[in-house]
Structure formats: C-alpha cells, structure tokens
Protein backbone atom coordinates (compact mmCIF):
# COMPACT_ATOMS: atom_id res chain seq x y z
CA MET A 1 151.30 128.11 39.32
CA LEU A 2 152.65 127.61 42.76
CA GLU A 3 150.59 130.55 43.90
CA MET A 4 147.50 128.98 42.48
CA LEU A 5 148.26 125.70 44.15
CA ILE A 6 148.83 127.41 47.50
CA THR A 7 145.61 129.43 46.99
CA CYS A 8 143.67 126.23 46.23
CA ILE A 9 145.15 124.53 49.26
CA GLY A 10 144.27 127.65 51.33
CA LEU A 11 140.73 127.63 50.00
CA ILE A 12 140.36 123.91 50.69
CA CYS A 13 141.66 124.50 54.24
CA ILE A 14 139.23 127.40 54.71
CA VAL A 15 136.31 125.23 53.43
CA PHE A 16 137.32 122.35 55.71
CA SER A 17 137.68 124.80 58.63
CA ILE A 18 134.26 126.25 57.97
CA MET A 19 132.76 122.76 57.68
CA TYR A 20 134.58 121.71 60.87
CA ILE A 21 133.38 124.80 62.74
CA TYR A 22 129.83 124.33 61.41
CA PHE A 23 129.81 120.65 62.44
CA PHE A 24 131.08 121.30 65.94
CA SER A 25 128.89 124.41 66.41
CA LYS A 26 125.88 122.32 65.41
CA LYS A 27 126.96 119.63 67.84
CA GLU A 28 127.45 122.23 70.57
CA LYS A 29 124.07 123.76 69.73
CA ASP A 30 122.44 120.33 70.05
CA ILE A 31 124.15 119.81 73.41
CA TYR A 32 123.10 123.31 74.49
CA ASP A 33 119.48 122.63 73.42
CA GLU A 34 119.53 119.34 75.31
CA LEU A 35 120.85 121.09 78.42
CA ILE A 36 118.09 123.72 78.12
CA TYR A 37 115.50 120.93 77.76
CA ILE A 38 116.87 119.12 80.84
CA TYR A 39 116.93 122.40 82.78
CA ASN A 40 113.28 123.06 81.87
CA ASN A 41 112.34 119.56 82.94
CA ILE A 42 114.17 120.00 86.25
CA ARG A 43 112.42 123.32 86.80
CA ASP A 44 109.03 121.73 86.00
CA TYR A 45 109.74 118.85 88.40
CA TYR A 46 110.81 121.37 91.06
CA VAL A 47 107.54 123.22 90.68
CA ALA A 48 105.56 119.98 90.78
CA ILE A 49 107.43 118.73 93.86
CA GLU A 50 107.03 122.11 95.57
CA SER A 51 103.29 121.98 94.85
CA THR A 52 103.10 118.40 96.14
CA VAL A 53 104.98 119.30 99.32
CA SER A 54 102.67 122.26 99.87
CA ASP A 55 99.61 120.03 99.38
CA PHE A 56 101.10 117.45 101.74
CA GLU A 57 101.74 120.12 104.37
CA GLN A 58 98.12 121.22 104.07
CA LEU A 59 97.01 117.62 104.37
CA ILE A 60 99.12 117.14 107.49
CA ASP A 61 97.84 120.37 109.02
CA SER A 62 94.22 119.41 108.34
CA SER A 63 94.86 115.90 109.69
CA LEU A 64 96.40 117.35 112.88
CA ASP A 65 93.41 119.66 113.26
CA LYS A 66 91.04 116.73 112.87
CA LEU A 67 93.08 114.72 115.34
CA GLU A 68 92.90 117.53 117.91
CA TYR A 69 89.16 117.83 117.30
CA TYR A 70 88.63 114.11 117.81
CA GLU A 71 90.87 114.05 120.86
CA LYS A 72 88.76 116.83 122.40
CA LYS A 73 85.59 115.05 121.39
CA VAL A 74 86.80 111.72 122.80
CA SER A 75 87.96 113.31 126.04
CA SER A 76 84.62 115.07 126.47
CA ASN A 77 82.83 111.78 125.64
CA ASN A 78 85.03 109.99 128.17
CA LEU A 79 84.15 112.55 130.82
CA ASP A 80 80.45 112.18 129.98
CA ARG A 81 80.81 108.40 129.97
CA ASN A 82 82.64 108.42 133.28
CA GLU A 83 79.95 110.60 134.81
CA SER A 84 77.23 108.28 133.45
CA PHE A 85 79.15 105.23 134.61
CA ASN A 86 79.56 106.69 138.10
CA ARG A 87 75.85 107.50 138.26
CA LEU A 88 74.94 103.99 137.08
CA ASN A 89 77.38 102.38 139.50
CA SER A 90 75.93 104.27 142.39
CA LYS A 91 72.41 103.10 141.46
CA ARG A 92 73.30 99.61 140.24
CA VAL A 93 72.57 96.53 142.28
CA GLU A 94 75.70 94.40 142.42
CA ASN A 95 75.70 90.86 141.11
CA PRO A 96 76.24 88.19 143.68
CA ILE A 97 79.93 87.61 144.30
CA ILE A 98 81.29 84.10 144.57
CA ILE A 99 84.57 83.68 146.41
CA ASP A 100 86.81 80.92 145.10
CA SER A 101 88.34 79.45 148.23
CA LYS A 102 91.30 78.00 146.37
CA LEU A 103 92.39 81.18 144.63
CA LYS A 104 91.02 83.65 147.24
CA THR A 105 89.65 85.84 144.44
CA LYS A 106 86.24 87.31 143.89
CA LYS A 107 84.27 86.17 140.86
CA SER A 108 81.03 87.49 139.47
CA ILE A 109 78.71 85.82 136.98
CA SER A 110 75.96 87.92 135.40
CA GLU A 111 72.52 86.52 134.69
CA PHE A 112 73.13 86.88 131.00
CA ASP A 113 76.27 84.75 131.18
CA LYS A 114 74.44 82.26 133.36
CA ASN A 115 71.75 81.89 130.67
CA ILE A 116 74.38 81.23 128.03
CA LEU A 117 76.12 78.63 130.20
CA GLU A 118 72.84 76.92 131.09
CA LEU A 119 71.90 76.61 127.41
CA LYS A 120 75.36 75.24 126.62
CA ASN A 121 75.11 72.73 129.44
CA LYS A 122 71.74 71.63 128.08
CA GLY A 123 73.49 70.73 124.85
CA TYR A 124 72.55 73.63 122.59
CA SER A 125 75.03 74.56 119.86
CA PHE A 126 76.52 78.05 119.57
CA GLU A 127 74.14 78.86 116.73
CA GLU A 128 71.07 77.83 118.68
CA ILE A 129 72.17 79.81 121.76
CA ALA A 130 72.81 82.86 119.57
CA LYS A 131 69.34 82.60 118.00
CA LYS A 132 67.58 82.21 121.36
CA LEU A 133 69.37 85.19 122.90
CA ASN A 134 69.45 87.37 119.75
CA MET A 135 73.24 87.52 119.70
CA GLY A 136 76.01 86.76 117.24
CA ILE A 137 77.54 83.31 117.11
CA ARG A 138 81.06 84.70 117.78
CA GLU A 139 79.80 86.63 120.79
CA VAL A 140 78.40 83.42 122.28
CA GLU A 141 81.66 81.57 121.60
CA ILE A 142 83.72 84.31 123.18
CA ILE A 143 81.55 84.55 126.29
CA ILE A 144 81.60 80.79 126.78
CA LYS A 145 85.36 80.59 126.34
CA LEU A 146 85.90 83.49 128.74
CA GLN A 147 83.55 82.00 131.31
CA GLU A 148 85.33 78.66 131.06
CA LYS A 149 88.74 80.24 131.54
CA LEU A 150 87.76 82.75 134.23
CA TYR A 151 85.48 80.58 136.28
CA LYS A 152 86.82 77.18 135.30
CA ILE A 153 83.30 76.09 134.37
CA LYS A 154 82.97 73.12 132.00
C-alpha cells in the first residue's frame, strides 16, 4: 500500500512537473516569439531608415548640383550684367548733380523722381500718382519716403 501511495505521489509529481515545464516552455516560447517579432520590426525599420538616408543623400547631392549650376548661372549673368552696365554707363548722360553745402555731399535726383515729387507737391495721393505714372502704390510710397529722407524734401 505504501508503494502504491509513493507511486501515486510520484505520478502526481511527474504530472505537475510536466505541467510546470509545459507552462514555462509556453511562456518562454511566447517571449521568444515576441523577441523575434521585435527583431523583425527593428530590421524593417533599419531597412526603411537606410532607404530614407540614401534618398536624402541623393536629394542633397542633387540640391548641391543645382546650387552649383545656379551659382555658375548667376556668376555668368553678373558678368554679363556688369559688362552691360559698364557699356551703359559709358554711354549714359549723367543726371545733374546738386551739392548740398551743409553736408558737402553730392545728390542726384532723376527726372522720374522729380515727376513723383511734383505730383505729390501738387496734392495728388499715392494712388493717383501711381495711376498717372503706371506704377504700384507701394513703389510710389517708397520713392517718396526715400526722396524725403535722402534729399530732405518735404
């Protein structure tokens, strides 16, 4: 009888051991599956980031190439503009220069600016001056303000 009791206790221990091993092996398998899932996500993110970095490098390279192209274009335009400006300056008739005796500086007023100032002095509004001279209202305002500051004209 004692043998049977010990055998039953042994079988119960074996069953509990098997259940315990099964429970923990299932838990370990779940943890292992979760780790594999996380690893796969990390690998996918790595591939995506690597692709994004590669695309970004290509974008930077193409932007630098465009920048170099525009710098060359601008420098060639500046050279052309300087040549044109020099040619025009050599042919241009200078505006009369007024010397301000107080400040001992040279001042020049173009005919266009004179027209704007004359219309302003006659009492025309910025809008009316702009319409008469086919300009923008803001342009007229800026020219008048600059003329008033530079030449102290009221």
